[in-house]
């Protein structure tokens, strides 16, 4: 592929990133990832080359874990904004009682913590800890500390 064409693809990629993030309010990590894959395809490379390039750009040591944290954060935000965290928290408070919210969070953390890494579980369940503490009328530390302990 000729150099001017590669420069044009790069310029379009930068413009796409700016428009998708600023105008359409898409998640920046998803936009950067998607544009990296599209640039790889547009320049005649395999999509996996775009993924590898994105990981190298994000830092080789953090490449894989950054994806996990980013997607976990988005999932946690979705759970929080859709009201699912509120519903789960109300159910936990109803089953365990407001005074035993720490046991509820430990149980949830243990169930989630077995198949996933600590950071993934914490990112996923942090919104639930905030909502559960609020629903139980208890301090956030009574929900977050047992959650963190049971995930580790």
Protein backbone atom coordinates (compact mmCIF):
# COMPACT_ATOMS: atom_id res chain seq x y z
CA UNK A 1 0.00 0.00 0.00
CA UNK A 2 1.34 3.43 -0.89
CA UNK A 3 2.47 5.89 1.77
CA UNK A 4 -0.10 8.60 0.88
CA UNK A 5 -2.90 6.05 1.21
CA UNK A 6 -1.64 4.92 4.62
CA UNK A 7 -1.50 8.57 5.75
CA UNK A 8 -5.07 9.09 4.51
CA UNK A 9 -6.28 6.01 6.40
CA UNK A 10 -4.51 7.30 9.52
CA UNK A 11 -6.12 10.74 9.18
CA UNK A 12 -9.56 9.19 8.71
CA UNK A 13 -8.95 6.99 11.76
CA UNK A 14 -8.11 10.01 13.91
CA UNK A 15 -11.18 11.84 12.65
CA UNK A 16 -13.35 8.77 13.34
CA UNK A 17 -12.03 8.51 16.90
CA UNK A 18 -12.76 12.17 17.60
CA UNK A 19 -16.26 12.06 16.10
CA UNK A 20 -17.27 8.78 17.73
CA UNK A 21 -16.11 9.86 21.18
CA UNK A 22 -17.06 13.56 21.14
CA UNK A 23 -20.23 13.48 19.05
CA UNK A 24 -21.72 10.05 19.66
CA UNK A 25 -20.41 9.64 23.24
CA UNK A 26 -19.21 6.08 22.67
CA UNK A 27 -16.85 4.41 25.15
CA UNK A 28 -13.31 5.55 24.30
CA UNK A 29 -11.72 2.14 24.83
CA UNK A 30 -14.22 0.53 22.45
CA UNK A 31 -13.70 3.25 19.84
CA UNK A 32 -9.92 2.96 19.98
CA UNK A 33 -10.09 -0.82 19.77
CA UNK A 34 -12.54 -0.79 16.87
CA UNK A 35 -10.64 1.84 14.92
CA UNK A 36 -7.37 -0.08 15.41
CA UNK A 37 -8.95 -3.19 13.92
CA UNK A 38 -10.50 -1.21 11.05
CA UNK A 39 -7.19 0.49 10.25
CA UNK A 40 -5.50 -2.91 10.13
CA UNK A 41 -8.13 -4.20 7.71
CA UNK A 42 -8.05 -1.01 5.61
CA UNK A 43 -4.28 -1.27 5.22
CA UNK A 44 -4.46 -4.88 4.07
CA UNK A 45 -3.53 -6.57 7.34
CA UNK A 46 -5.38 -9.16 9.39
CA UNK A 47 -7.75 -7.88 12.13
CA UNK A 48 -5.58 -9.69 14.68
CA UNK A 49 -2.75 -7.33 13.70
CA UNK A 50 -4.95 -4.43 14.80
CA UNK A 51 -5.60 -6.13 18.13
CA UNK A 52 -1.88 -6.79 18.62
CA UNK A 53 -1.08 -3.20 17.72
CA UNK A 54 -3.67 -1.93 20.19
CA UNK A 55 -2.25 -4.12 22.96
CA UNK A 56 1.28 -2.93 22.19
CA UNK A 57 0.10 0.67 22.27
CA UNK A 58 -1.72 0.20 25.55
CA UNK A 59 1.39 -1.36 27.03
CA UNK A 60 2.50 -4.92 26.52
CA UNK A 61 2.33 -5.77 30.21
CA UNK A 62 -1.11 -4.21 30.62
CA UNK A 63 -2.53 -5.22 27.25
CA UNK A 64 -4.59 -8.21 28.32
CA UNK A 65 -5.58 -6.97 31.77
CA UNK A 66 -6.55 -3.54 30.40
CA UNK A 67 -9.16 -5.20 28.21
CA UNK A 68 -10.56 -7.11 31.16
CA UNK A 69 -10.75 -4.02 33.35
CA UNK A 70 -12.22 -1.87 30.59
CA UNK A 71 -14.92 -4.35 29.65
CA UNK A 72 -15.63 -5.10 33.32
CA UNK A 73 -16.03 -1.40 34.00
CA UNK A 74 -18.46 -1.05 31.12
CA UNK A 75 -20.44 -4.06 32.31
CA UNK A 76 -20.52 -2.68 35.85
CA UNK A 77 -21.75 0.66 34.52
CA UNK A 78 -24.45 -1.08 32.47
CA UNK A 79 -25.58 -3.05 35.53
CA UNK A 80 -25.69 0.14 37.56
CA UNK A 81 -27.49 2.31 34.99
CA UNK A 82 -30.10 -0.28 33.98
CA UNK A 83 -31.28 -0.70 37.55
CA UNK A 84 -30.07 -4.29 37.79
CA UNK A 85 -27.75 -3.42 40.68
CA UNK A 86 -30.67 -1.80 42.52
CA UNK A 87 -32.81 -4.90 42.05
CA UNK A 88 -30.03 -7.25 43.15
CA UNK A 89 -29.29 -5.06 46.17
CA UNK A 90 -32.94 -4.98 47.25
CA UNK A 91 -33.10 -8.77 46.96
CA UNK A 92 -29.92 -9.19 49.03
CA UNK A 93 -31.15 -6.81 51.72
CA UNK A 94 -34.51 -8.61 51.83
CA UNK A 95 -32.89 -12.06 52.13
CA UNK A 96 -30.07 -11.24 54.54
CA UNK A 97 -31.55 -8.22 56.31
CA UNK A 98 -30.04 -4.73 56.55
CA UNK A 99 -27.86 -5.67 59.52
CA UNK A 100 -26.30 -8.61 57.67
CA UNK A 101 -25.37 -6.90 54.42
CA UNK A 102 -21.74 -7.86 55.02
CA UNK A 103 -22.69 -11.55 54.82
CA UNK A 104 -24.62 -10.93 51.63
CA UNK A 105 -21.66 -9.21 49.98
CA UNK A 106 -19.27 -11.94 51.15
CA UNK A 107 -21.53 -14.59 49.64
CA UNK A 108 -21.80 -12.75 46.33
CA UNK A 109 -18.05 -12.09 46.27
CA UNK A 110 -17.25 -15.73 46.95
CA UNK A 111 -19.61 -16.95 44.24
CA UNK A 112 -18.23 -14.51 41.68
CA UNK A 113 -14.62 -14.69 42.87
CA UNK A 114 -14.14 -18.39 42.26
CA UNK A 115 -14.13 -18.31 38.45
CA UNK A 116 -12.70 -14.79 37.86
CA UNK A 117 -9.68 -12.73 38.86
CA UNK A 118 -9.91 -10.34 41.79
CA UNK A 119 -9.78 -7.16 39.71
CA UNK A 120 -12.48 -8.38 37.33
CA UNK A 121 -14.79 -9.37 40.18
CA UNK A 122 -14.22 -6.12 42.02
CA UNK A 123 -14.85 -3.97 38.96
CA UNK A 124 -18.04 -5.91 38.25
CA UNK A 125 -19.37 -5.88 41.80
CA UNK A 126 -18.27 -2.44 43.06
CA UNK A 127 -21.50 -0.76 41.88
CA UNK A 128 -23.47 -3.47 43.66
CA UNK A 129 -21.62 -2.77 46.92
CA UNK A 130 -22.50 0.93 46.73
CA UNK A 131 -26.15 0.29 45.98
CA UNK A 132 -26.50 -2.48 48.57
CA UNK A 133 -24.99 -0.29 51.30
CA UNK A 134 -27.36 2.53 50.39
CA UNK A 135 -30.37 0.17 50.31
CA UNK A 136 -29.45 -1.26 53.70
CA UNK A 137 -28.74 2.16 55.19
CA UNK A 138 -25.28 1.00 56.25
CA UNK A 139 -21.80 2.48 55.67
CA UNK A 140 -20.19 1.56 52.36
CA UNK A 141 -17.26 -0.09 54.12
CA UNK A 142 -19.63 -2.70 55.57
CA UNK A 143 -20.40 -3.81 52.03
CA UNK A 144 -17.14 -3.13 50.17
CA UNK A 145 -14.64 -4.67 52.61
CA UNK A 146 -16.37 -8.07 52.87
CA UNK A 147 -16.76 -8.05 49.10
CA UNK A 148 -13.05 -7.39 48.57
CA UNK A 149 -12.07 -9.99 51.18
CA UNK A 150 -14.22 -12.70 49.65
CA UNK A 151 -12.94 -12.01 46.13
CA UNK A 152 -9.31 -12.49 47.12
